[in-house]
Amino acid sequence: MGIGRSAFYDTPNARARDLSIVAEMKTICDEFEAYGYRRVDAELRHRGIVVNAKKIRRLMHEHALNPKQRRR
């Protein structure tokens, strides 16, 4: 057909779910600037959103949601 199998079977609603997760992650990262992916995962679970930690890491990397380093 000329397109890849993963592109053919890609579901658009998965991207919409990712965008809603990223929006919630941005609010968490704005509220708690030093939270990494583990704490963001715990906060998402506390808010009722269950997501795999690998997906959280990937989305944080893609959207540049890097935690601020704490000074010691």
C-alpha atoms as a PDB file:
ATOM      1  CA  MET A   1       0.000   0.000   0.000  1.00  0.00           C
ATOM      2  CA  GLY A   2       2.933   2.323   0.468  1.00  0.00           C
ATOM      3  CA  ILE A   3       2.606   3.124   4.187  1.00  0.00           C
ATOM      4  CA  GLY A   4       3.947   1.337   7.211  1.00  0.00           C
ATOM      5  CA  ARG A   5       1.858  -1.056   9.246  1.00  0.00           C
ATOM      6  CA  SER A   6       2.251   0.977  12.432  1.00  0.00           C
ATOM      7  CA  ALA A   7       1.046   4.127  10.657  1.00  0.00           C
ATOM      8  CA  PHE A   8      -1.931   2.289   9.183  1.00  0.00           C
ATOM      9  CA  TYR A   9      -3.073   0.902  12.520  1.00  0.00           C
ATOM     10  CA  ASP A  10      -2.197   3.996  14.571  1.00  0.00           C
ATOM     11  CA  THR A  11      -5.214   5.117  16.570  1.00  0.00           C
ATOM     12  CA  PRO A  12      -5.886   8.859  16.741  1.00  0.00           C
ATOM     13  CA  ASN A  13      -7.604   8.551  20.128  1.00  0.00           C
ATOM     14  CA  ALA A  14      -4.314   7.345  21.647  1.00  0.00           C
ATOM     15  CA  ARG A  15      -2.789  10.731  20.803  1.00  0.00           C
ATOM     16  CA  ALA A  16      -5.755  12.490  22.398  1.00  0.00           C
ATOM     17  CA  ARG A  17      -5.222  10.439  25.579  1.00  0.00           C
ATOM     18  CA  ASP A  18      -1.541  11.362  25.537  1.00  0.00           C
ATOM     19  CA  LEU A  19      -2.407  15.045  25.243  1.00  0.00           C
ATOM     20  CA  SER A  20      -4.727  14.872  28.247  1.00  0.00           C
ATOM     21  CA  ILE A  21      -2.011  13.078  30.240  1.00  0.00           C
ATOM     22  CA  VAL A  22       0.576  15.682  29.199  1.00  0.00           C
ATOM     23  CA  ALA A  23      -1.756  18.499  30.254  1.00  0.00           C
ATOM     24  CA  GLU A  24      -2.103  16.944  33.705  1.00  0.00           C
ATOM     25  CA  MET A  25       1.656  16.343  33.866  1.00  0.00           C
ATOM     26  CA  LYS A  26       2.296  20.019  33.049  1.00  0.00           C
ATOM     27  CA  THR A  27       0.093  21.130  35.929  1.00  0.00           C
ATOM     28  CA  ILE A  28       1.956  18.758  38.257  1.00  0.00           C
ATOM     29  CA  CYS A  29       5.344  19.987  37.019  1.00  0.00           C
ATOM     30  CA  ASP A  30       4.264  23.621  37.452  1.00  0.00           C
ATOM     31  CA  GLU A  31       3.095  22.925  40.989  1.00  0.00           C
ATOM     32  CA  PHE A  32       6.056  20.726  41.977  1.00  0.00           C
ATOM     33  CA  GLU A  33       9.058  21.838  39.929  1.00  0.00           C
ATOM     34  CA  ALA A  34      11.522  19.274  41.296  1.00  0.00           C
ATOM     35  CA  TYR A  35       9.372  16.196  40.628  1.00  0.00           C
ATOM     36  CA  GLY A  36      10.885  13.583  38.352  1.00  0.00           C
ATOM     37  CA  TYR A  37       9.017  10.847  36.533  1.00  0.00           C
ATOM     38  CA  ARG A  38       8.624   8.683  39.650  1.00  0.00           C
ATOM     39  CA  ARG A  39       6.942  11.394  41.690  1.00  0.00           C
ATOM     40  CA  VAL A  40       4.881  12.518  38.696  1.00  0.00           C
ATOM     41  CA  ASP A  41       3.745   8.893  38.354  1.00  0.00           C
ATOM     42  CA  ALA A  42       2.758   8.789  42.030  1.00  0.00           C
ATOM     43  CA  GLU A  43       0.894  12.103  41.762  1.00  0.00           C
ATOM     44  CA  LEU A  44      -0.956  10.966  38.625  1.00  0.00           C
ATOM     45  CA  ARG A  45      -2.003   7.778  40.421  1.00  0.00           C
ATOM     46  CA  HIS A  46      -3.137   9.891  43.383  1.00  0.00           C
ATOM     47  CA  ARG A  47      -5.280  11.910  40.959  1.00  0.00           C
ATOM     48  CA  GLY A  48      -6.769   8.732  39.500  1.00  0.00           C
ATOM     49  CA  ILE A  49      -4.764   8.473  36.266  1.00  0.00           C
ATOM     50  CA  VAL A  50      -2.873   5.187  35.902  1.00  0.00           C
ATOM     51  CA  VAL A  51      -0.068   5.360  33.333  1.00  0.00           C
ATOM     52  CA  ASN A  52       3.021   3.239  32.778  1.00  0.00           C
ATOM     53  CA  ALA A  53       6.222   4.826  34.117  1.00  0.00           C
ATOM     54  CA  LYS A  54       7.965   4.326  30.761  1.00  0.00           C
ATOM     55  CA  LYS A  55       5.253   6.337  29.042  1.00  0.00           C
ATOM     56  CA  ILE A  56       5.619   9.104  31.618  1.00  0.00           C
ATOM     57  CA  ARG A  57       9.382   9.216  31.012  1.00  0.00           C
ATOM     58  CA  ARG A  58       8.862   9.340  27.244  1.00  0.00           C
ATOM     59  CA  LEU A  59       6.226  12.082  27.416  1.00  0.00           C
ATOM     60  CA  MET A  60       8.300  14.150  29.851  1.00  0.00           C
ATOM     61  CA  HIS A  61      11.275  13.896  27.488  1.00  0.00           C
ATOM     62  CA  GLU A  62       9.215  14.742  24.381  1.00  0.00           C
ATOM     63  CA  HIS A  63       7.619  17.802  26.013  1.00  0.00           C
ATOM     64  CA  ALA A  64      10.764  18.986  27.866  1.00  0.00           C
ATOM     65  CA  LEU A  65       9.263  18.615  31.338  1.00  0.00           C
ATOM     66  CA  ASN A  66      12.611  18.357  33.081  1.00  0.00           C
ATOM     67  CA  PRO A  67      12.725  18.673  36.867  1.00  0.00           C
ATOM     68  CA  LYS A  68      14.763  21.442  38.430  1.00  0.00           C
ATOM     69  CA  GLN A  69      17.822  20.231  40.285  1.00  0.00           C
ATOM     70  CA  ARG A  70      17.694  20.946  43.988  1.00  0.00           C
ATOM     71  CA  ARG A  71      20.645  22.738  45.546  1.00  0.00           C
ATOM     72  CA  ARG A  72      22.311  21.062  48.481  1.00  0.00           C
END
